[in-house]
């Protein structure tokens, strides 16, 4: 129960952060709409200012950058593999939407089934299984990887997924 409450809180905070990021946290008015009058005695800016851009992340020194951070490499890999058409000036949520649109619905169904039926996050082995299928692994390779999964319930869900993505020839 605590885990579910925590997950809901994280999603809500992430959504609020996304809204603030996209909107810039400033009060914006639609073009042509009258601006509201400021409170009595408040300073009135002459012209509305353009939103500031987010500064680019700084790079680490050469000695420290010998091994990239796992989160950064995972993000770069996921973005390049799943959203090649996303432009660099797209809003923050657009890359997420593009990644979901470009994912196979059967893969998403497997991940959602694990979360729903097993009440836990899909382990890294399942993500590696999906990545292997995207790279073109054969049915036999996928079946071997599924047999190496530790939990029986997880293997059953993965076998159902395998039958959908790579059915046996008849």
C-alpha atoms as a PDB file:
ATOM      1  CA  UNK A   1       0.000   0.000   0.000  1.00  0.00           C
ATOM      2  CA  UNK A   2       2.847   2.387   0.808  1.00  0.00           C
ATOM      3  CA  UNK A   3       4.520   1.590  -2.485  1.00  0.00           C
ATOM      4  CA  UNK A   4       1.356   2.448  -4.422  1.00  0.00           C
ATOM      5  CA  UNK A   5       0.901   5.708  -2.476  1.00  0.00           C
ATOM      6  CA  UNK A   6       4.524   6.593  -3.127  1.00  0.00           C
ATOM      7  CA  UNK A   7       4.134   5.816  -6.843  1.00  0.00           C
ATOM      8  CA  UNK A   8       1.035   8.014  -7.084  1.00  0.00           C
ATOM      9  CA  UNK A   9       2.823  10.856  -5.311  1.00  0.00           C
ATOM     10  CA  UNK A  10       5.813  10.555  -7.649  1.00  0.00           C
ATOM     11  CA  UNK A  11       3.566  10.611 -10.716  1.00  0.00           C
ATOM     12  CA  UNK A  12       1.704  13.670  -9.447  1.00  0.00           C
ATOM     13  CA  UNK A  13       4.914  15.522  -8.617  1.00  0.00           C
ATOM     14  CA  UNK A  14       6.388  14.569 -11.985  1.00  0.00           C
ATOM     15  CA  UNK A  15       3.287  15.846 -13.740  1.00  0.00           C
ATOM     16  CA  UNK A  16       3.424  19.108 -11.834  1.00  0.00           C
ATOM     17  CA  UNK A  17       7.106  19.485 -12.685  1.00  0.00           C
ATOM     18  CA  UNK A  18       6.339  18.788 -16.352  1.00  0.00           C
ATOM     19  CA  UNK A  19       3.608  21.433 -16.370  1.00  0.00           C
ATOM     20  CA  UNK A  20       5.930  23.959 -14.757  1.00  0.00           C
ATOM     21  CA  UNK A  21       8.698  23.068 -17.195  1.00  0.00           C
ATOM     22  CA  UNK A  22       6.465  23.384 -20.242  1.00  0.00           C
ATOM     23  CA  UNK A  23       4.789  26.576 -19.073  1.00  0.00           C
ATOM     24  CA  UNK A  24       7.935  28.129 -17.673  1.00  0.00           C
ATOM     25  CA  UNK A  25       6.160  28.862 -14.395  1.00  0.00           C
ATOM     26  CA  UNK A  26       5.073  32.251 -15.741  1.00  0.00           C
ATOM     27  CA  UNK A  27       1.560  33.557 -16.160  1.00  0.00           C
ATOM     28  CA  UNK A  28       0.962  33.495 -19.897  1.00  0.00           C
ATOM     29  CA  UNK A  29      -1.859  35.072 -21.813  1.00  0.00           C
ATOM     30  CA  UNK A  30      -3.300  33.965 -25.113  1.00  0.00           C
ATOM     31  CA  UNK A  31      -2.455  36.246 -28.036  1.00  0.00           C
ATOM     32  CA  UNK A  32      -5.127  38.894 -28.412  1.00  0.00           C
ATOM     33  CA  UNK A  33      -6.545  38.232 -24.951  1.00  0.00           C
ATOM     34  CA  UNK A  34      -6.615  41.208 -22.619  1.00  0.00           C
ATOM     35  CA  UNK A  35      -4.085  41.011 -19.826  1.00  0.00           C
ATOM     36  CA  UNK A  36      -5.426  41.247 -16.302  1.00  0.00           C
ATOM     37  CA  UNK A  37      -4.681  44.441 -14.468  1.00  0.00           C
ATOM     38  CA  UNK A  38      -1.965  44.233 -11.837  1.00  0.00           C
ATOM     39  CA  UNK A  39      -2.847  44.891  -8.190  1.00  0.00           C
ATOM     40  CA  UNK A  40      -2.811  48.496  -6.972  1.00  0.00           C
ATOM     41  CA  UNK A  41       0.769  49.701  -6.435  1.00  0.00           C
ATOM     42  CA  UNK A  42       2.427  46.796  -8.279  1.00  0.00           C
ATOM     43  CA  UNK A  43       5.179  47.521 -10.775  1.00  0.00           C
ATOM     44  CA  UNK A  44       4.108  47.038 -14.384  1.00  0.00           C
ATOM     45  CA  UNK A  45       6.751  45.658 -16.779  1.00  0.00           C
ATOM     46  CA  UNK A  46       7.046  47.575 -20.035  1.00  0.00           C
ATOM     47  CA  UNK A  47       7.218  44.489 -22.290  1.00  0.00           C
ATOM     48  CA  UNK A  48       6.658  40.826 -21.513  1.00  0.00           C
ATOM     49  CA  UNK A  49       9.938  38.987 -21.397  1.00  0.00           C
ATOM     50  CA  UNK A  50      10.707  35.901 -23.439  1.00  0.00           C
ATOM     51  CA  UNK A  51      11.035  32.664 -21.483  1.00  0.00           C
ATOM     52  CA  UNK A  52      14.570  31.745 -20.632  1.00  0.00           C
ATOM     53  CA  UNK A  53      16.010  28.522 -21.915  1.00  0.00           C
ATOM     54  CA  UNK A  54      17.312  25.773 -19.700  1.00  0.00           C
ATOM     55  CA  UNK A  55      21.124  25.858 -19.576  1.00  0.00           C
ATOM     56  CA  UNK A  56      22.890  22.933 -21.200  1.00  0.00           C
ATOM     57  CA  UNK A  57      24.457  20.448 -18.801  1.00  0.00           C
ATOM     58  CA  UNK A  58      28.133  21.007 -18.216  1.00  0.00           C
ATOM     59  CA  UNK A  59      30.611  18.331 -19.127  1.00  0.00           C
ATOM     60  CA  UNK A  60      32.863  16.697 -16.576  1.00  0.00           C
ATOM     61  CA  UNK A  61      36.669  16.764 -16.844  1.00  0.00           C
ATOM     62  CA  UNK A  62      38.240  14.166 -19.139  1.00  0.00           C
ATOM     63  CA  UNK A  63      39.485  12.013 -16.247  1.00  0.00           C
ATOM     64  CA  UNK A  64      36.044  11.813 -14.648  1.00  0.00           C
ATOM     65  CA  UNK A  65      34.227  11.262 -17.941  1.00  0.00           C
ATOM     66  CA  UNK A  66      36.049   8.041 -18.784  1.00  0.00           C
ATOM     67  CA  UNK A  67      32.921   6.093 -17.760  1.00  0.00           C
ATOM     68  CA  UNK A  68      29.568   7.743 -18.525  1.00  0.00           C
ATOM     69  CA  UNK A  69      26.894   7.834 -15.867  1.00  0.00           C
ATOM     70  CA  UNK A  70      24.451   4.901 -16.228  1.00  0.00           C
ATOM     71  CA  UNK A  71      21.365   7.137 -16.153  1.00  0.00           C
ATOM     72  CA  UNK A  72      22.756   9.428 -18.832  1.00  0.00           C
ATOM     73  CA  UNK A  73      23.715   6.568 -21.126  1.00  0.00           C
ATOM     74  CA  UNK A  74      20.357   4.874 -20.591  1.00  0.00           C
ATOM     75  CA  UNK A  75      18.505   8.089 -21.405  1.00  0.00           C
ATOM     76  CA  UNK A  76      20.603   8.700 -24.491  1.00  0.00           C
ATOM     77  CA  UNK A  77      20.145   5.124 -25.673  1.00  0.00           C
ATOM     78  CA  UNK A  78      16.406   5.128 -25.035  1.00  0.00           C
ATOM     79  CA  UNK A  79      15.940   8.456 -26.764  1.00  0.00           C
ATOM     80  CA  UNK A  80      18.001   7.499 -29.798  1.00  0.00           C
ATOM     81  CA  UNK A  81      16.500   4.043 -30.120  1.00  0.00           C
ATOM     82  CA  UNK A  82      12.840   4.882 -29.600  1.00  0.00           C
ATOM     83  CA  UNK A  83      12.443   8.468 -30.758  1.00  0.00           C
ATOM     84  CA  UNK A  84      14.587   9.166 -33.791  1.00  0.00           C
ATOM     85  CA  UNK A  85      12.031  11.588 -35.226  1.00  0.00           C
ATOM     86  CA  UNK A  86      11.796  13.764 -32.105  1.00  0.00           C
ATOM     87  CA  UNK A  87      13.249  17.179 -32.705  1.00  0.00           C
ATOM     88  CA  UNK A  88      15.574  18.893 -30.285  1.00  0.00           C
ATOM     89  CA  UNK A  89      13.206  21.813 -29.752  1.00  0.00           C
ATOM     90  CA  UNK A  90      10.226  19.621 -28.808  1.00  0.00           C
ATOM     91  CA  UNK A  91       8.665  20.192 -25.384  1.00  0.00           C
ATOM     92  CA  UNK A  92       9.709  17.888 -22.548  1.00  0.00           C
ATOM     93  CA  UNK A  93       6.687  15.584 -22.729  1.00  0.00           C
ATOM     94  CA  UNK A  94       6.878  15.154 -26.494  1.00  0.00           C
ATOM     95  CA  UNK A  95       9.837  12.787 -26.289  1.00  0.00           C
ATOM     96  CA  UNK A  96       7.920  10.572 -23.847  1.00  0.00           C
ATOM     97  CA  UNK A  97       4.863  10.533 -26.100  1.00  0.00           C
ATOM     98  CA  UNK A  98       7.062   9.724 -29.102  1.00  0.00           C
ATOM     99  CA  UNK A  99       8.743   6.865 -27.217  1.00  0.00           C
ATOM    100  CA  UNK A 100       5.394   5.336 -26.264  1.00  0.00           C
ATOM    101  CA  UNK A 101       4.053   5.731 -29.816  1.00  0.00           C
ATOM    102  CA  UNK A 102       7.101   4.024 -31.310  1.00  0.00           C
ATOM    103  CA  UNK A 103       6.987   1.097 -28.852  1.00  0.00           C
ATOM    104  CA  UNK A 104       5.330  -2.155 -29.827  1.00  0.00           C
ATOM    105  CA  UNK A 105       1.974  -2.430 -28.002  1.00  0.00           C
ATOM    106  CA  UNK A 106       2.747  -6.075 -27.199  1.00  0.00           C
ATOM    107  CA  UNK A 107       5.899  -4.999 -25.340  1.00  0.00           C
ATOM    108  CA  UNK A 108       3.956  -2.396 -23.393  1.00  0.00           C
ATOM    109  CA  UNK A 109       1.321  -5.044 -22.632  1.00  0.00           C
ATOM    110  CA  UNK A 110       4.003  -7.320 -21.152  1.00  0.00           C
ATOM    111  CA  UNK A 111       5.395  -4.537 -18.956  1.00  0.00           C
ATOM    112  CA  UNK A 112       1.911  -3.473 -17.838  1.00  0.00           C
ATOM    113  CA  UNK A 113       0.940  -7.083 -17.122  1.00  0.00           C
ATOM    114  CA  UNK A 114       3.956  -7.545 -14.868  1.00  0.00           C
ATOM    115  CA  UNK A 115       3.129  -4.368 -12.964  1.00  0.00           C
ATOM    116  CA  UNK A 116      -0.581  -5.204 -12.715  1.00  0.00           C
ATOM    117  CA  UNK A 117      -0.491  -8.948 -11.990  1.00  0.00           C
ATOM    118  CA  UNK A 118       2.759  -9.269 -10.049  1.00  0.00           C
ATOM    119  CA  UNK A 119       2.483  -5.901  -8.273  1.00  0.00           C
ATOM    120  CA  UNK A 120       6.126  -5.003  -8.987  1.00  0.00           C
ATOM    121  CA  UNK A 121       8.303  -3.239 -11.490  1.00  0.00           C
ATOM    122  CA  UNK A 122       9.541  -5.298 -14.433  1.00  0.00           C
ATOM    123  CA  UNK A 123      13.080  -6.504 -13.715  1.00  0.00           C
ATOM    124  CA  UNK A 124      16.016  -5.504 -15.937  1.00  0.00           C
ATOM    125  CA  UNK A 125      16.012  -8.993 -17.484  1.00  0.00           C
ATOM    126  CA  UNK A 126      12.576  -8.307 -19.010  1.00  0.00           C
ATOM    127  CA  UNK A 127      13.752  -4.994 -20.442  1.00  0.00           C
ATOM    128  CA  UNK A 128      16.788  -6.795 -21.867  1.00  0.00           C
ATOM    129  CA  UNK A 129      14.445  -9.397 -23.375  1.00  0.00           C
ATOM    130  CA  UNK A 130      12.415  -6.687 -25.115  1.00  0.00           C
ATOM    131  CA  UNK A 131      15.599  -4.987 -26.326  1.00  0.00           C
ATOM    132  CA  UNK A 132      16.869  -8.302 -27.727  1.00  0.00           C
ATOM    133  CA  UNK A 133      13.625  -8.761 -29.670  1.00  0.00           C
ATOM    134  CA  UNK A 134      13.949  -5.231 -31.083  1.00  0.00           C
ATOM    135  CA  UNK A 135      17.491  -6.043 -32.198  1.00  0.00           C
ATOM    136  CA  UNK A 136      16.191  -9.075 -34.089  1.00  0.00           C
ATOM    137  CA  UNK A 137      16.898 -12.001 -31.754  1.00  0.00           C
ATOM    138  CA  UNK A 138      15.478 -15.331 -32.871  1.00  0.00           C
ATOM    139  CA  UNK A 139      12.605 -17.077 -31.141  1.00  0.00           C
ATOM    140  CA  UNK A 140      15.006 -19.676 -29.724  1.00  0.00           C
ATOM    141  CA  UNK A 141      17.218 -16.985 -28.184  1.00  0.00           C
ATOM    142  CA  UNK A 142      14.193 -15.297 -26.613  1.00  0.00           C
ATOM    143  CA  UNK A 143      12.899 -18.639 -25.263  1.00  0.00           C
ATOM    144  CA  UNK A 144      16.294 -19.389 -23.722  1.00  0.00           C
ATOM    145  CA  UNK A 145      16.368 -15.976 -22.044  1.00  0.00           C
ATOM    146  CA  UNK A 146      12.828 -16.497 -20.719  1.00  0.00           C
ATOM    147  CA  UNK A 147      13.826 -19.839 -19.168  1.00  0.00           C
ATOM    148  CA  UNK A 148      16.569 -18.045 -17.233  1.00  0.00           C
ATOM    149  CA  UNK A 149      14.028 -15.793 -15.468  1.00  0.00           C
ATOM    150  CA  UNK A 150      13.822 -16.664 -11.775  1.00  0.00           C
ATOM    151  CA  UNK A 151      10.119 -16.180 -10.954  1.00  0.00           C
ATOM    152  CA  UNK A 152       7.652 -18.674 -12.415  1.00  0.00           C
ATOM    153  CA  UNK A 153       4.896 -16.052 -12.766  1.00  0.00           C
ATOM    154  CA  UNK A 154       7.310 -13.859 -14.696  1.00  0.00           C
ATOM    155  CA  UNK A 155       8.231 -16.728 -17.021  1.00  0.00           C
ATOM    156  CA  UNK A 156       4.537 -17.440 -17.700  1.00  0.00           C
ATOM    157  CA  UNK A 157       3.849 -13.815 -18.657  1.00  0.00           C
ATOM    158  CA  UNK A 158       6.983 -13.732 -20.804  1.00  0.00           C
ATOM    159  CA  UNK A 159       5.999 -16.984 -22.575  1.00  0.00           C
ATOM    160  CA  UNK A 160       2.585 -15.490 -23.410  1.00  0.00           C
ATOM    161  CA  UNK A 161       4.361 -12.420 -24.765  1.00  0.00           C
ATOM    162  CA  UNK A 162       6.677 -14.630 -26.838  1.00  0.00           C
ATOM    163  CA  UNK A 163       3.697 -16.406 -28.411  1.00  0.00           C
ATOM    164  CA  UNK A 164       2.333 -13.014 -29.496  1.00  0.00           C
ATOM    165  CA  UNK A 165       5.562 -11.512 -30.847  1.00  0.00           C
ATOM    166  CA  UNK A 166       7.111 -14.675 -32.350  1.00  0.00           C
ATOM    167  CA  UNK A 167       4.514 -17.437 -32.776  1.00  0.00           C
ATOM    168  CA  UNK A 168       5.591 -20.944 -33.697  1.00  0.00           C
ATOM    169  CA  UNK A 169       5.336 -21.651 -37.429  1.00  0.00           C
ATOM    170  CA  UNK A 170       2.461 -23.953 -38.351  1.00  0.00           C
END
